[in-house]
Amino acid sequence: MSRTIVDLSIFLENDVISDPPGMQPEITYFNHEDTPQQVTAFFAGLEPEDLPDGEGWAVERVKLSTHNGTHLDAPYHFHSTMNRGERAITIDEVPLEWCFNPGVKLDFRHFDDGYVVSAADVEAELDRVEHELAPLEIVLGNTSAGAAYGQDHYVQTGCGMGYEATMYLLERGVRVTGTDAWFRIYRGLFPDEDSWRICRMDESGGDNG
């Protein structure tokens, strides 16, 4: 079976607003003129002038969290348990087969910021695109946040999945979802009860809420 892989990843950059204040990545760049001493430290007797054109290597030092950039959140990110008391799996325990499957894009760009997407909304969009979900398909929520990426209001922009919509997907075998927003659940700055239930929910359908 032929397969087209679409790269949806974003760059890690210092000056693009992609995270809330205090949570953004920090990158320090070192050019060839900055680092000759780093190179010579590895080799006894080597001097900077011995290097071609006296140059070292170009290096970046990166400070970031696991929530920066394009990433996959494991159940452990949200809570220490899942499935009503089992140990939550960590990112290295997420089955790779969950991550390499056909995807379907649901267009939610018309919903207001902070809107909580319902199961009925998901079903209506699937009907519009004439698609029936299959187990392990990856569902991509296209929200208004995508057009706001890098702008001051990006983090507060876009709708999000509610508990009901999330359960709708889980019950049909979906294990991985994607979003162009900073957070896939309710977009409010202070999560409501619905959001907290989703945060604690197991990807295999269990609910710790």
Protein backbone atom coordinates (compact mmCIF):
# COMPACT_ATOMS: atom_id res chain seq x y z
CA MET A 1 0.00 0.00 0.00
CA SER A 2 1.42 3.37 -1.00
CA ARG A 3 1.57 6.00 1.70
CA THR A 4 2.15 9.74 1.69
CA ILE A 5 3.76 11.16 4.82
CA VAL A 6 2.96 14.82 5.47
CA ASP A 7 5.36 16.70 7.75
CA LEU A 8 3.29 18.90 10.06
CA SER A 9 6.14 19.71 12.45
CA ILE A 10 7.08 23.29 13.33
CA PHE A 11 10.44 24.90 13.97
CA LEU A 12 11.79 25.62 17.43
CA GLU A 13 12.55 29.35 17.40
CA ASN A 14 13.32 32.04 19.94
CA ASP A 15 11.27 34.86 18.48
CA VAL A 16 8.07 33.11 17.39
CA ILE A 17 5.21 33.02 19.90
CA SER A 18 4.33 29.33 20.19
CA ASP A 19 3.95 28.92 23.96
CA PRO A 20 2.72 30.89 26.98
CA PRO A 21 5.18 33.30 28.64
CA GLY A 22 7.82 31.44 30.62
CA MET A 23 7.27 28.19 28.72
CA GLN A 24 8.83 29.02 25.37
CA PRO A 25 12.04 27.37 24.12
CA GLU A 26 15.35 29.19 24.50
CA ILE A 27 18.09 28.66 21.93
CA THR A 28 21.62 30.06 22.23
CA TYR A 29 23.53 30.04 18.95
CA PHE A 30 27.31 29.72 18.74
CA ASN A 31 28.98 30.37 15.39
CA HIS A 32 32.38 29.18 14.15
CA GLU A 33 34.17 32.19 15.63
CA ASP A 34 32.74 31.48 19.10
CA THR A 35 33.94 27.92 19.56
CA PRO A 36 37.62 27.28 18.68
CA GLN A 37 38.36 26.72 22.38
CA GLN A 38 35.67 24.05 22.53
CA VAL A 39 37.42 22.14 19.76
CA THR A 40 40.95 22.49 21.10
CA ALA A 41 39.87 21.31 24.56
CA PHE A 42 39.44 17.82 23.11
CA PHE A 43 42.97 17.54 21.70
CA ALA A 44 46.12 18.08 23.75
CA GLY A 45 48.45 20.62 22.13
CA LEU A 46 45.95 21.78 19.55
CA GLU A 47 45.73 25.56 19.25
CA PRO A 48 42.99 27.64 17.62
CA GLU A 49 45.37 28.74 14.88
CA ASP A 50 45.81 25.06 13.94
CA LEU A 51 42.16 24.86 12.92
CA PRO A 52 41.13 25.60 9.31
CA ASP A 53 40.69 29.38 9.22
CA GLY A 54 40.82 29.28 13.03
CA GLU A 55 37.18 28.23 13.14
CA GLY A 56 35.41 25.93 15.56
CA TRP A 57 32.04 24.32 15.06
CA ALA A 58 28.58 25.81 14.92
CA VAL A 59 26.56 24.71 17.95
CA GLU A 60 23.15 25.44 19.43
CA ARG A 61 22.39 25.10 23.13
CA VAL A 62 18.69 24.43 23.61
CA LYS A 63 16.53 24.81 26.72
CA LEU A 64 13.05 23.42 26.27
CA SER A 65 10.28 21.38 27.82
CA THR A 66 8.58 18.29 26.43
CA HIS A 67 5.60 20.51 25.53
CA ASN A 68 7.58 22.76 23.16
CA GLY A 69 7.21 22.39 19.43
CA THR A 70 5.59 19.45 17.70
CA HIS A 71 5.24 16.65 20.21
CA LEU A 72 3.21 13.71 21.46
CA ASP A 73 1.89 13.73 25.02
CA ALA A 74 1.85 10.38 26.79
CA PRO A 75 -0.77 9.63 29.47
CA TYR A 76 1.96 10.13 32.10
CA HIS A 77 2.18 13.78 31.08
CA PHE A 78 -1.32 14.35 32.42
CA HIS A 79 -1.46 12.10 35.47
CA SER A 80 0.44 9.34 37.25
CA THR A 81 -2.35 6.78 36.71
CA MET A 82 -4.73 5.71 33.96
CA ASN A 83 -7.43 3.07 33.49
CA ARG A 84 -8.76 3.72 36.98
CA GLY A 85 -5.54 3.21 38.88
CA GLU A 86 -3.01 1.60 36.53
CA ARG A 87 0.39 3.23 36.16
CA ALA A 88 0.23 5.72 33.31
CA ILE A 89 2.42 4.81 30.36
CA THR A 90 5.33 7.10 29.52
CA ILE A 91 6.28 8.36 26.06
CA ASP A 92 8.67 5.47 25.39
CA GLU A 93 5.82 3.03 26.02
CA VAL A 94 3.40 4.53 23.49
CA PRO A 95 3.07 1.92 20.70
CA LEU A 96 4.69 3.15 17.51
CA GLU A 97 1.88 1.68 15.45
CA TRP A 98 -0.40 4.33 16.96
CA CYS A 99 1.75 7.00 15.33
CA PHE A 100 1.95 5.72 11.74
CA ASN A 101 -1.57 5.50 10.40
CA PRO A 102 -3.86 7.28 7.96
CA GLY A 103 -5.11 10.64 9.16
CA VAL A 104 -8.33 12.57 8.68
CA LYS A 105 -8.58 16.34 9.07
CA LEU A 106 -11.65 17.80 10.73
CA ASP A 107 -12.25 21.46 9.90
CA PHE A 108 -13.20 23.33 13.08
CA ARG A 109 -11.90 26.73 12.00
CA HIS A 110 -15.39 28.24 12.07
CA PHE A 111 -15.83 27.65 15.80
CA ASP A 112 -15.21 30.55 18.20
CA ASP A 113 -12.18 30.67 20.48
CA GLY A 114 -12.92 28.64 23.58
CA TYR A 115 -15.69 26.65 21.95
CA VAL A 116 -15.92 23.08 23.26
CA VAL A 117 -16.32 20.65 20.37
CA SER A 118 -19.02 18.05 20.99
CA ALA A 119 -19.49 14.51 19.73
CA ALA A 120 -22.23 15.83 17.46
CA ASP A 121 -19.79 18.34 15.96
CA VAL A 122 -17.29 15.57 15.23
CA GLU A 123 -19.96 13.37 13.69
CA ALA A 124 -21.26 16.23 11.55
CA GLU A 125 -17.79 16.98 10.19
CA LEU A 126 -17.14 13.30 9.46
CA ASP A 127 -20.45 13.21 7.55
CA ARG A 128 -19.45 16.35 5.63
CA VAL A 129 -16.17 14.82 4.47
CA GLU A 130 -17.89 11.45 3.96
CA HIS A 131 -15.50 9.54 6.18
CA GLU A 132 -16.09 6.70 8.60
CA LEU A 133 -13.45 6.39 11.32
CA ALA A 134 -11.37 3.23 11.44
CA PRO A 135 -9.43 2.03 14.51
CA LEU A 136 -6.05 3.72 14.97
CA GLU A 137 -6.73 6.46 12.44
CA ILE A 138 -5.24 9.78 13.51
CA VAL A 139 -7.71 12.64 13.84
CA LEU A 140 -6.37 16.14 13.16
CA GLY A 141 -8.39 19.08 14.43
CA ASN A 142 -7.87 22.15 12.24
CA THR A 143 -8.82 25.20 14.35
CA SER A 144 -8.52 28.95 13.93
CA ALA A 145 -5.29 28.78 15.94
CA GLY A 146 -3.33 27.66 12.89
CA ALA A 147 -3.71 31.06 11.23
CA ALA A 148 -2.69 32.81 14.47
CA TYR A 149 0.55 30.88 14.99
CA GLY A 150 3.40 33.18 15.98
CA GLN A 151 1.09 36.05 16.91
CA ASP A 152 0.47 37.46 20.38
CA HIS A 153 -2.96 35.86 20.68
CA TYR A 154 -1.97 32.38 19.44
CA VAL A 155 -2.13 30.60 22.80
CA GLN A 156 -5.67 31.86 23.45
CA THR A 157 -6.93 31.09 19.95
CA GLY A 158 -8.91 28.11 18.73
CA CYS A 159 -11.54 25.68 19.92
CA GLY A 160 -10.87 22.41 21.68
CA MET A 161 -12.24 18.91 22.15
CA GLY A 162 -14.68 18.34 24.99
CA TYR A 163 -15.00 15.16 27.04
CA GLU A 164 -17.92 13.91 24.97
CA ALA A 165 -16.06 14.38 21.68
CA THR A 166 -12.94 12.73 23.06
CA MET A 167 -14.91 9.69 24.20
CA TYR A 168 -16.57 9.53 20.77
CA LEU A 169 -13.13 9.15 19.18
CA LEU A 170 -11.81 6.70 21.76
CA GLU A 171 -14.82 4.43 21.42
CA ARG A 172 -14.09 4.17 17.69
CA GLY A 173 -10.49 3.12 18.23
CA VAL A 174 -8.74 6.47 17.78
CA ARG A 175 -5.61 6.65 19.91
CA VAL A 176 -3.77 9.72 18.59
CA THR A 177 -5.16 13.14 17.79
CA GLY A 178 -3.50 16.32 16.59
CA THR A 179 -4.23 20.01 16.76
CA ASP A 180 -2.79 23.26 15.45
CA ALA A 181 -3.69 24.91 18.75
CA TRP A 182 -1.43 25.03 21.79
CA PHE A 183 -3.72 22.69 23.72
CA ARG A 184 -6.18 20.15 22.32
CA ILE A 185 -8.85 20.55 25.00
CA TYR A 186 -10.91 23.56 26.06
CA ARG A 187 -9.04 26.74 25.15
CA GLY A 188 -9.80 28.75 28.28
CA LEU A 189 -6.87 29.88 30.40
CA PHE A 190 -8.42 28.16 33.42
CA PRO A 191 -9.62 24.62 32.63
CA ASP A 192 -13.16 23.76 33.58
CA GLU A 193 -14.34 20.42 34.97
CA ASP A 194 -14.76 19.02 31.47
CA SER A 195 -11.15 19.84 30.62
CA TRP A 196 -9.80 18.29 33.79
CA ARG A 197 -11.61 15.04 33.06
CA ILE A 198 -9.97 14.94 29.62
CA CYS A 199 -6.53 15.68 31.05
CA ARG A 200 -6.83 12.63 33.28
CA MET A 201 -8.30 10.35 30.66
CA ASP A 202 -6.44 7.31 29.40
CA GLU A 203 -5.80 7.11 25.65
CA SER A 204 -7.20 3.57 25.62
CA GLY A 205 -10.59 4.75 26.78
CA GLY A 206 -10.35 4.68 30.57
CA ASP A 207 -11.40 7.69 32.59
CA ASN A 208 -9.78 8.67 35.87
CA GLY A 209 -12.11 11.61 36.33
